[in-house]
């Protein structure tokens, strides 16, 4: 695979590459994202429970989305992101939460 150039002009930063995801991975990791996504660190000090945490977050979010509708308050660009030991939003992630009624159909996926 040759060097790629993004719109920013940076060499070797091709962004997400699905070819870098191995068969044993449940979710893409930092290698597939060219180290642009590091929620669990990388290298020797990478979180040992990263795959479990992503699976747990996916299941939790799907259970919440099944019972509630979430609507972002404000503009998406106002959320922002900052990093430290973990990744946080700069201005919070304010949402309006409403309970789904039994009559609300859940969209089917194909």
N, C-alpha and C. Protein backbone atom coordinates (compact mmCIF):
# COMPACT_ATOMS: atom_id res chain seq x y z
N UNK A 1 0.85 -1.17 0.00
CA UNK A 1 0.00 0.00 0.00
C UNK A 1 0.90 1.24 0.00
N UNK A 2 0.69 2.16 -0.91
CA UNK A 2 1.52 3.35 -1.01
C UNK A 2 1.07 4.44 -0.06
N UNK A 3 1.87 5.47 0.02
CA UNK A 3 1.54 6.63 0.85
C UNK A 3 0.31 7.32 0.27
N UNK A 4 -0.54 7.81 1.15
CA UNK A 4 -1.73 8.52 0.72
C UNK A 4 -1.64 9.97 1.16
N UNK A 5 -2.30 10.83 0.44
CA UNK A 5 -2.32 12.25 0.79
C UNK A 5 -3.77 12.66 0.99
N UNK A 6 -4.08 13.15 2.18
CA UNK A 6 -5.42 13.65 2.45
C UNK A 6 -5.55 15.04 1.88
N UNK A 7 -6.75 15.59 2.00
CA UNK A 7 -6.97 16.96 1.55
C UNK A 7 -6.08 17.93 2.31
N UNK A 8 -5.69 17.58 3.53
CA UNK A 8 -4.82 18.45 4.31
C UNK A 8 -3.39 18.44 3.78
N UNK A 9 -3.07 17.49 2.92
CA UNK A 9 -1.74 17.40 2.34
C UNK A 9 -0.75 16.62 3.19
N UNK A 10 -1.19 15.99 4.27
CA UNK A 10 -0.29 15.24 5.15
C UNK A 10 -0.01 13.86 4.55
N UNK A 11 1.23 13.50 4.44
CA UNK A 11 1.62 12.20 3.91
C UNK A 11 1.31 11.10 4.93
N UNK A 12 0.81 9.96 4.44
CA UNK A 12 0.62 8.79 5.28
C UNK A 12 -0.59 8.82 6.18
N UNK A 13 -1.38 9.85 6.15
CA UNK A 13 -2.57 9.92 7.00
C UNK A 13 -3.80 9.72 6.13
N UNK A 14 -4.06 8.49 5.78
CA UNK A 14 -5.15 8.18 4.86
C UNK A 14 -6.50 8.08 5.51
N UNK A 15 -6.58 8.20 6.84
CA UNK A 15 -7.87 8.05 7.51
C UNK A 15 -8.23 6.60 7.69
N UNK A 16 -9.51 6.30 7.85
CA UNK A 16 -9.97 4.95 8.11
C UNK A 16 -9.73 4.05 6.89
N UNK A 17 -9.16 2.89 7.13
CA UNK A 17 -8.87 1.93 6.07
C UNK A 17 -9.40 0.57 6.49
N UNK A 18 -10.53 0.13 5.93
CA UNK A 18 -11.11 -1.15 6.34
C UNK A 18 -10.21 -2.34 6.06
N UNK A 19 -9.23 -2.21 5.17
CA UNK A 19 -8.31 -3.30 4.89
C UNK A 19 -7.37 -3.58 6.07
N UNK A 20 -7.25 -2.62 6.98
CA UNK A 20 -6.38 -2.78 8.15
C UNK A 20 -7.07 -3.47 9.32
N UNK A 21 -8.36 -3.79 9.17
CA UNK A 21 -9.11 -4.47 10.22
C UNK A 21 -8.92 -5.96 10.05
N UNK A 22 -8.43 -6.62 11.09
CA UNK A 22 -8.21 -8.06 10.99
C UNK A 22 -9.49 -8.83 11.31
N UNK A 23 -9.49 -10.11 11.00
CA UNK A 23 -10.68 -10.95 11.18
C UNK A 23 -11.08 -11.13 12.64
N UNK A 24 -10.11 -11.05 13.57
CA UNK A 24 -10.44 -11.28 14.98
C UNK A 24 -10.97 -10.05 15.69
N UNK A 25 -10.95 -8.88 15.04
CA UNK A 25 -11.43 -7.64 15.67
C UNK A 25 -12.95 -7.53 15.56
N UNK A 26 -13.57 -7.17 16.66
CA UNK A 26 -15.01 -6.92 16.65
C UNK A 26 -15.27 -5.51 16.12
N UNK A 27 -14.44 -4.57 16.55
CA UNK A 27 -14.57 -3.17 16.16
C UNK A 27 -13.25 -2.69 15.59
N UNK A 28 -13.28 -1.71 14.69
CA UNK A 28 -12.02 -1.12 14.20
C UNK A 28 -11.22 -0.53 15.36
N UNK A 29 -9.90 -0.55 15.23
CA UNK A 29 -9.06 -0.02 16.30
C UNK A 29 -8.22 1.14 15.80
N UNK A 30 -7.23 1.54 16.59
CA UNK A 30 -6.41 2.69 16.25
C UNK A 30 -5.60 2.47 14.97
N UNK A 31 -5.24 1.25 14.66
CA UNK A 31 -4.46 0.96 13.45
C UNK A 31 -5.30 1.24 12.21
N UNK A 32 -6.56 0.79 12.22
CA UNK A 32 -7.44 0.99 11.06
C UNK A 32 -7.79 2.46 10.86
N UNK A 33 -7.69 3.26 11.93
CA UNK A 33 -8.02 4.68 11.85
C UNK A 33 -6.78 5.56 11.74
N UNK A 34 -5.62 4.96 11.42
CA UNK A 34 -4.37 5.71 11.28
C UNK A 34 -4.04 6.51 12.53
N UNK A 35 -4.36 5.94 13.69
CA UNK A 35 -4.08 6.54 15.00
C UNK A 35 -4.77 7.89 15.20
N UNK A 36 -5.87 8.13 14.47
CA UNK A 36 -6.65 9.35 14.66
C UNK A 36 -7.70 9.16 15.75
N UNK A 37 -8.00 7.91 16.12
CA UNK A 37 -9.02 7.57 17.11
C UNK A 37 -8.35 6.73 18.19
N UNK A 38 -8.08 7.33 19.36
CA UNK A 38 -7.36 6.64 20.43
C UNK A 38 -8.10 6.65 21.77
N UNK A 39 -9.33 6.18 21.82
CA UNK A 39 -10.04 6.24 23.10
C UNK A 39 -9.46 5.30 24.16
N UNK A 40 -8.72 4.27 23.74
CA UNK A 40 -8.18 3.30 24.68
C UNK A 40 -6.66 3.26 24.65
N UNK A 41 -6.03 4.26 24.07
CA UNK A 41 -4.58 4.27 23.97
C UNK A 41 -4.11 3.38 22.84
N UNK A 42 -2.81 3.11 22.82
CA UNK A 42 -2.22 2.27 21.78
C UNK A 42 -0.91 1.70 22.28
N UNK A 43 -0.40 0.74 21.57
CA UNK A 43 0.88 0.16 21.91
C UNK A 43 0.84 -0.71 23.15
N UNK A 44 1.96 -0.74 23.88
CA UNK A 44 2.09 -1.62 25.05
C UNK A 44 1.15 -1.24 26.18
N UNK A 45 0.76 0.01 26.26
CA UNK A 45 -0.08 0.46 27.36
C UNK A 45 -1.56 0.58 26.99
N UNK A 46 -1.95 -0.03 25.90
CA UNK A 46 -3.34 0.00 25.44
C UNK A 46 -4.25 -0.73 26.44
N UNK A 47 -5.44 -0.24 26.59
CA UNK A 47 -6.43 -0.84 27.49
C UNK A 47 -6.71 -2.28 27.07
N UNK A 48 -6.63 -3.20 28.03
CA UNK A 48 -6.84 -4.61 27.72
C UNK A 48 -8.33 -4.92 27.47
N UNK A 49 -9.21 -4.05 27.96
CA UNK A 49 -10.64 -4.29 27.83
C UNK A 49 -11.31 -3.46 26.75
N UNK A 50 -10.56 -2.98 25.76
CA UNK A 50 -11.12 -2.07 24.76
C UNK A 50 -12.23 -2.70 23.93
N UNK A 51 -12.07 -3.94 23.51
CA UNK A 51 -13.11 -4.58 22.69
C UNK A 51 -14.37 -4.82 23.51
N UNK A 52 -14.21 -5.22 24.78
CA UNK A 52 -15.37 -5.42 25.64
C UNK A 52 -16.08 -4.09 25.90
N UNK A 53 -15.33 -3.02 26.15
CA UNK A 53 -15.92 -1.71 26.41
C UNK A 53 -16.74 -1.23 25.21
N UNK A 54 -16.23 -1.42 23.99
CA UNK A 54 -16.97 -1.01 22.79
C UNK A 54 -18.24 -1.84 22.63
N UNK A 55 -18.16 -3.14 22.89
CA UNK A 55 -19.34 -4.00 22.81
C UNK A 55 -20.37 -3.58 23.86
N UNK A 56 -19.90 -3.35 25.08
CA UNK A 56 -20.80 -2.93 26.16
C UNK A 56 -21.47 -1.59 25.84
N UNK A 57 -20.71 -0.65 25.30
CA UNK A 57 -21.28 0.66 24.93
C UNK A 57 -22.31 0.51 23.82
N UNK A 58 -22.04 -0.35 22.85
CA UNK A 58 -22.98 -0.58 21.74
C UNK A 58 -24.29 -1.17 22.24
N UNK A 59 -24.20 -2.16 23.11
CA UNK A 59 -25.41 -2.80 23.66
C UNK A 59 -26.19 -1.80 24.50
N UNK A 60 -25.50 -1.04 25.35
CA UNK A 60 -26.17 -0.04 26.20
C UNK A 60 -26.87 1.01 25.36
N UNK A 61 -26.18 1.54 24.35
CA UNK A 61 -26.78 2.56 23.49
C UNK A 61 -27.99 2.01 22.75
N UNK A 62 -27.91 0.77 22.26
CA UNK A 62 -29.05 0.20 21.54
C UNK A 62 -30.26 0.02 22.47
N UNK A 63 -30.01 -0.33 23.73
CA UNK A 63 -31.12 -0.47 24.68
C UNK A 63 -31.76 0.88 24.99
N UNK A 64 -30.94 1.92 25.11
CA UNK A 64 -31.46 3.26 25.36
C UNK A 64 -32.25 3.76 24.15
N UNK A 65 -31.68 3.59 22.96
CA UNK A 65 -32.33 4.07 21.74
C UNK A 65 -33.63 3.33 21.45
N UNK A 66 -33.77 2.12 21.98
CA UNK A 66 -35.00 1.36 21.79
C UNK A 66 -36.15 1.94 22.60
N UNK A 67 -35.84 2.60 23.71
CA UNK A 67 -36.89 3.11 24.59
C UNK A 67 -37.05 4.63 24.57
N UNK A 68 -36.04 5.34 24.08
CA UNK A 68 -36.07 6.80 24.14
C UNK A 68 -35.67 7.42 22.81
N UNK A 69 -36.20 8.62 22.56
CA UNK A 69 -35.76 9.44 21.45
C UNK A 69 -34.87 10.53 22.02
N UNK A 70 -33.71 10.74 21.40
CA UNK A 70 -32.77 11.75 21.85
C UNK A 70 -32.64 12.82 20.77
N UNK A 71 -32.75 14.08 21.17
CA UNK A 71 -32.62 15.19 20.23
C UNK A 71 -31.55 16.14 20.75
N UNK A 72 -30.56 16.44 19.92
CA UNK A 72 -29.48 17.34 20.30
C UNK A 72 -30.02 18.75 20.48
N UNK A 73 -29.63 19.40 21.58
CA UNK A 73 -29.99 20.79 21.83
C UNK A 73 -28.81 21.63 21.35
N UNK A 74 -29.06 22.54 20.44
CA UNK A 74 -27.98 23.37 19.91
C UNK A 74 -27.45 22.80 18.60
N UNK A 75 -26.29 23.30 18.19
CA UNK A 75 -25.68 22.88 16.94
C UNK A 75 -24.58 21.86 17.22
N UNK A 76 -24.40 20.88 16.35
CA UNK A 76 -23.36 19.86 16.57
C UNK A 76 -21.96 20.46 16.71
N UNK A 77 -21.67 21.53 15.99
CA UNK A 77 -20.33 22.12 16.07
C UNK A 77 -20.07 22.80 17.42
N UNK A 78 -21.13 23.03 18.22
CA UNK A 78 -20.97 23.63 19.55
C UNK A 78 -20.50 22.63 20.60
N UNK A 79 -20.56 21.34 20.29
CA UNK A 79 -20.21 20.31 21.27
C UNK A 79 -18.71 20.35 21.55
N UNK A 80 -17.87 20.28 20.55
CA UNK A 80 -16.42 20.33 20.73
C UNK A 80 -15.88 19.09 21.41
N UNK A 81 -14.56 18.96 21.42
CA UNK A 81 -13.92 17.82 22.04
C UNK A 81 -12.60 18.26 22.66
N UNK A 82 -12.29 17.70 23.81
CA UNK A 82 -10.98 17.93 24.42
C UNK A 82 -10.46 16.60 24.95
N UNK A 83 -9.17 16.48 24.96
CA UNK A 83 -8.57 15.24 25.42
C UNK A 83 -7.76 15.48 26.68
N UNK A 84 -7.63 14.46 27.43
CA UNK A 84 -6.83 14.44 28.65
C UNK A 84 -6.52 12.97 28.88
N UNK A 85 -6.79 12.47 30.07
CA UNK A 85 -6.67 11.04 30.30
C UNK A 85 -7.75 10.30 29.50
N UNK A 86 -8.88 10.97 29.30
CA UNK A 86 -9.96 10.44 28.47
C UNK A 86 -10.47 11.56 27.57
N UNK A 87 -11.35 11.22 26.63
CA UNK A 87 -11.92 12.20 25.72
C UNK A 87 -13.22 12.74 26.31
N UNK A 88 -13.37 14.06 26.29
CA UNK A 88 -14.57 14.71 26.83
C UNK A 88 -15.11 15.72 25.83
N UNK A 89 -16.38 16.08 25.99
CA UNK A 89 -16.92 17.19 25.22
C UNK A 89 -16.54 18.48 25.92
N UNK A 90 -16.30 19.54 25.16
CA UNK A 90 -15.92 20.82 25.78
C UNK A 90 -17.12 21.50 26.41
N UNK A 91 -18.27 21.41 25.78
CA UNK A 91 -19.45 22.14 26.24
C UNK A 91 -20.58 21.23 26.66
N UNK A 92 -20.31 19.97 26.89
CA UNK A 92 -21.35 19.03 27.24
C UNK A 92 -22.08 18.54 25.99
N UNK A 93 -22.94 17.58 26.17
CA UNK A 93 -23.73 17.04 25.07
C UNK A 93 -25.19 17.10 25.53
N UNK A 94 -25.77 18.29 25.41
CA UNK A 94 -27.12 18.51 25.90
C UNK A 94 -28.15 17.90 24.96
N UNK A 95 -29.01 17.07 25.52
CA UNK A 95 -30.00 16.35 24.73
C UNK A 95 -31.39 16.49 25.38
N UNK A 96 -32.41 16.50 24.53
CA UNK A 96 -33.78 16.37 25.00
C UNK A 96 -34.12 14.89 24.90
N UNK A 97 -34.62 14.33 25.99
CA UNK A 97 -34.93 12.91 26.04
C UNK A 97 -36.44 12.76 26.16
N UNK A 98 -37.02 11.98 25.27
CA UNK A 98 -38.45 11.70 25.36
C UNK A 98 -38.67 10.20 25.23
N UNK A 99 -39.60 9.71 26.01
CA UNK A 99 -39.90 8.28 26.01
C UNK A 99 -40.65 7.92 24.74
N UNK A 100 -40.26 6.85 24.10
CA UNK A 100 -40.97 6.37 22.91
C UNK A 100 -42.31 5.78 23.35
N UNK A 101 -43.34 6.09 22.62
CA UNK A 101 -44.64 5.49 22.93
C UNK A 101 -44.71 4.13 22.25
N UNK A 102 -45.63 3.32 22.69
CA UNK A 102 -45.80 1.98 22.09
C UNK A 102 -46.20 2.08 20.63
N UNK A 103 -46.82 3.19 20.24
CA UNK A 103 -47.28 3.36 18.86
C UNK A 103 -46.14 3.74 17.91
N UNK A 104 -45.02 4.24 18.45
CA UNK A 104 -43.90 4.64 17.61
C UNK A 104 -43.26 3.41 16.98
N UNK A 105 -43.28 3.35 15.66
CA UNK A 105 -42.61 2.21 15.02
C UNK A 105 -41.09 2.40 15.07
N UNK A 106 -40.40 1.30 15.28
CA UNK A 106 -38.94 1.31 15.23
C UNK A 106 -38.56 0.95 13.81
N UNK A 107 -37.79 1.80 13.12
CA UNK A 107 -37.46 1.53 11.72
C UNK A 107 -36.74 0.20 11.55
N UNK A 108 -37.17 -0.55 10.56
CA UNK A 108 -36.53 -1.82 10.26
C UNK A 108 -35.27 -1.58 9.46
N UNK A 109 -34.26 -2.41 9.70
CA UNK A 109 -33.03 -2.30 8.91
C UNK A 109 -33.00 -3.42 7.89
N UNK A 110 -32.30 -3.13 6.79
CA UNK A 110 -32.23 -4.14 5.72
C UNK A 110 -30.96 -4.93 5.84
